Amino acid sequence: MQDWHYPEYESHKVLHDQFVKRLKELQAGFSCCNQRVSFELLAFLNSWLLSHIQGIDVKFGKFLAAAKSQQAA
């Protein structure tokens, strides 16, 4: 993203940083054998996959495709 000067890089990175932080929090819950954490993890990952990857990452994909198209022209 930085190499292609994606204008929304910073906000995108914040989302990924928050993702990692939340995963670490959930991982800590696993060490306590907390079954509730398993369901929270599934819900969290489902939400991330649906909203982030299918929405935000697709937006970057379109930006990248357009940038590469302009570069090839």
C-alpha atoms as a PDB file:
ATOM      1  CA  MET A   1       0.000   0.000   0.000  1.00  0.00           C
ATOM      2  CA  GLN A   2       2.823   2.354   0.801  1.00  0.00           C
ATOM      3  CA  ASP A   3       4.638   1.450  -2.413  1.00  0.00           C
ATOM      4  CA  TRP A   4       1.542   2.425  -4.405  1.00  0.00           C
ATOM      5  CA  HIS A   5       0.897   5.561  -2.297  1.00  0.00           C
ATOM      6  CA  TYR A   6      -2.552   4.400  -1.265  1.00  0.00           C
ATOM      7  CA  PRO A   7      -4.230   7.497   0.203  1.00  0.00           C
ATOM      8  CA  GLU A   8      -6.059   5.477   2.871  1.00  0.00           C
ATOM      9  CA  TYR A   9      -2.995   3.543   4.044  1.00  0.00           C
ATOM     10  CA  GLU A  10      -2.862   5.051   7.526  1.00  0.00           C
ATOM     11  CA  SER A  11      -6.497   4.360   8.347  1.00  0.00           C
ATOM     12  CA  HIS A  12      -6.184   0.872   6.870  1.00  0.00           C
ATOM     13  CA  LYS A  13      -3.128   0.161   9.021  1.00  0.00           C
ATOM     14  CA  VAL A  14      -5.019   1.281  12.124  1.00  0.00           C
ATOM     15  CA  LEU A  15      -7.724  -1.278  11.353  1.00  0.00           C
ATOM     16  CA  HIS A  16      -5.122  -4.029  11.038  1.00  0.00           C
ATOM     17  CA  ASP A  17      -3.445  -2.952  14.265  1.00  0.00           C
ATOM     18  CA  GLN A  18      -6.815  -3.101  16.025  1.00  0.00           C
ATOM     19  CA  PHE A  19      -7.403  -6.558  14.524  1.00  0.00           C
ATOM     20  CA  VAL A  20      -4.119  -7.862  15.931  1.00  0.00           C
ATOM     21  CA  LYS A  21      -4.801  -6.284  19.323  1.00  0.00           C
ATOM     22  CA  ARG A  22      -8.222  -7.946  19.532  1.00  0.00           C
ATOM     23  CA  LEU A  23      -6.787 -11.320  18.510  1.00  0.00           C
ATOM     24  CA  LYS A  24      -4.197 -11.032  21.284  1.00  0.00           C
ATOM     25  CA  GLU A  25      -6.949 -10.258  23.781  1.00  0.00           C
ATOM     26  CA  LEU A  26      -8.914 -13.292  22.660  1.00  0.00           C
ATOM     27  CA  GLN A  27      -5.782 -15.442  22.741  1.00  0.00           C
ATOM     28  CA  ALA A  28      -5.275 -14.505  26.387  1.00  0.00           C
ATOM     29  CA  GLY A  29      -8.791 -15.782  27.082  1.00  0.00           C
ATOM     30  CA  PHE A  30      -7.936 -19.155  25.575  1.00  0.00           C
ATOM     31  CA  SER A  31      -5.245 -19.717  28.174  1.00  0.00           C
ATOM     32  CA  CYS A  32      -8.038 -19.742  30.753  1.00  0.00           C
ATOM     33  CA  CYS A  33     -10.012 -22.376  28.785  1.00  0.00           C
ATOM     34  CA  ASN A  34     -12.904 -19.973  28.421  1.00  0.00           C
ATOM     35  CA  GLN A  35     -15.454 -21.470  26.012  1.00  0.00           C
ATOM     36  CA  ARG A  36     -17.121 -18.084  25.594  1.00  0.00           C
ATOM     37  CA  VAL A  37     -13.925 -16.801  24.016  1.00  0.00           C
ATOM     38  CA  SER A  38     -14.225 -19.443  21.289  1.00  0.00           C
ATOM     39  CA  PHE A  39     -17.582 -18.043  20.241  1.00  0.00           C
ATOM     40  CA  GLU A  40     -16.284 -14.480  20.464  1.00  0.00           C
ATOM     41  CA  LEU A  41     -13.344 -15.411  18.256  1.00  0.00           C
ATOM     42  CA  LEU A  42     -15.591 -17.000  15.646  1.00  0.00           C
ATOM     43  CA  ALA A  43     -17.892 -13.992  15.633  1.00  0.00           C
ATOM     44  CA  PHE A  44     -14.957 -11.582  15.439  1.00  0.00           C
ATOM     45  CA  LEU A  45     -13.270 -13.422  12.569  1.00  0.00           C
ATOM     46  CA  ASN A  46     -16.552 -13.766  10.710  1.00  0.00           C
ATOM     47  CA  SER A  47     -17.159 -10.047  11.025  1.00  0.00           C
ATOM     48  CA  TRP A  48     -13.602  -9.237   9.933  1.00  0.00           C
ATOM     49  CA  LEU A  49     -13.770 -11.516   6.914  1.00  0.00           C
ATOM     50  CA  LEU A  50     -17.099 -10.174   5.786  1.00  0.00           C
ATOM     51  CA  SER A  51     -16.707  -6.489   6.458  1.00  0.00           C
ATOM     52  CA  HIS A  52     -13.007  -5.825   6.181  1.00  0.00           C
ATOM     53  CA  ILE A  53     -11.829  -8.142   3.461  1.00  0.00           C
ATOM     54  CA  GLN A  54     -14.940  -7.976   1.291  1.00  0.00           C
ATOM     55  CA  GLY A  55     -15.308  -4.233   1.768  1.00  0.00           C
ATOM     56  CA  ILE A  56     -12.155  -2.376   2.687  1.00  0.00           C
ATOM     57  CA  ASP A  57      -9.615  -4.691   1.053  1.00  0.00           C
ATOM     58  CA  VAL A  58     -11.679  -4.829  -2.131  1.00  0.00           C
ATOM     59  CA  LYS A  59     -11.533  -1.030  -2.206  1.00  0.00           C
ATOM     60  CA  PHE A  60      -7.735  -1.209  -2.141  1.00  0.00           C
ATOM     61  CA  GLY A  61      -7.810  -3.856  -4.873  1.00  0.00           C
ATOM     62  CA  LYS A  62      -9.737  -1.491  -7.122  1.00  0.00           C
ATOM     63  CA  PHE A  63      -7.309   1.318  -6.351  1.00  0.00           C
ATOM     64  CA  LEU A  64      -4.359  -0.944  -7.166  1.00  0.00           C
ATOM     65  CA  ALA A  65      -5.899  -2.166 -10.418  1.00  0.00           C
ATOM     66  CA  ALA A  66      -6.484   1.430 -11.513  1.00  0.00           C
ATOM     67  CA  ALA A  67      -2.960   2.453 -10.521  1.00  0.00           C
ATOM     68  CA  LYS A  68      -1.424  -0.448 -12.443  1.00  0.00           C
ATOM     69  CA  SER A  69      -3.613   0.354 -15.447  1.00  0.00           C
ATOM     70  CA  GLN A  70      -2.406   3.956 -15.432  1.00  0.00           C
ATOM     71  CA  GLN A  71       1.183   2.801 -15.051  1.00  0.00           C
ATOM     72  CA  ALA A  72       0.861   0.492 -18.058  1.00  0.00           C
ATOM     73  CA  ALA A  73      -0.630   3.224 -20.232  1.00  0.00           C
END
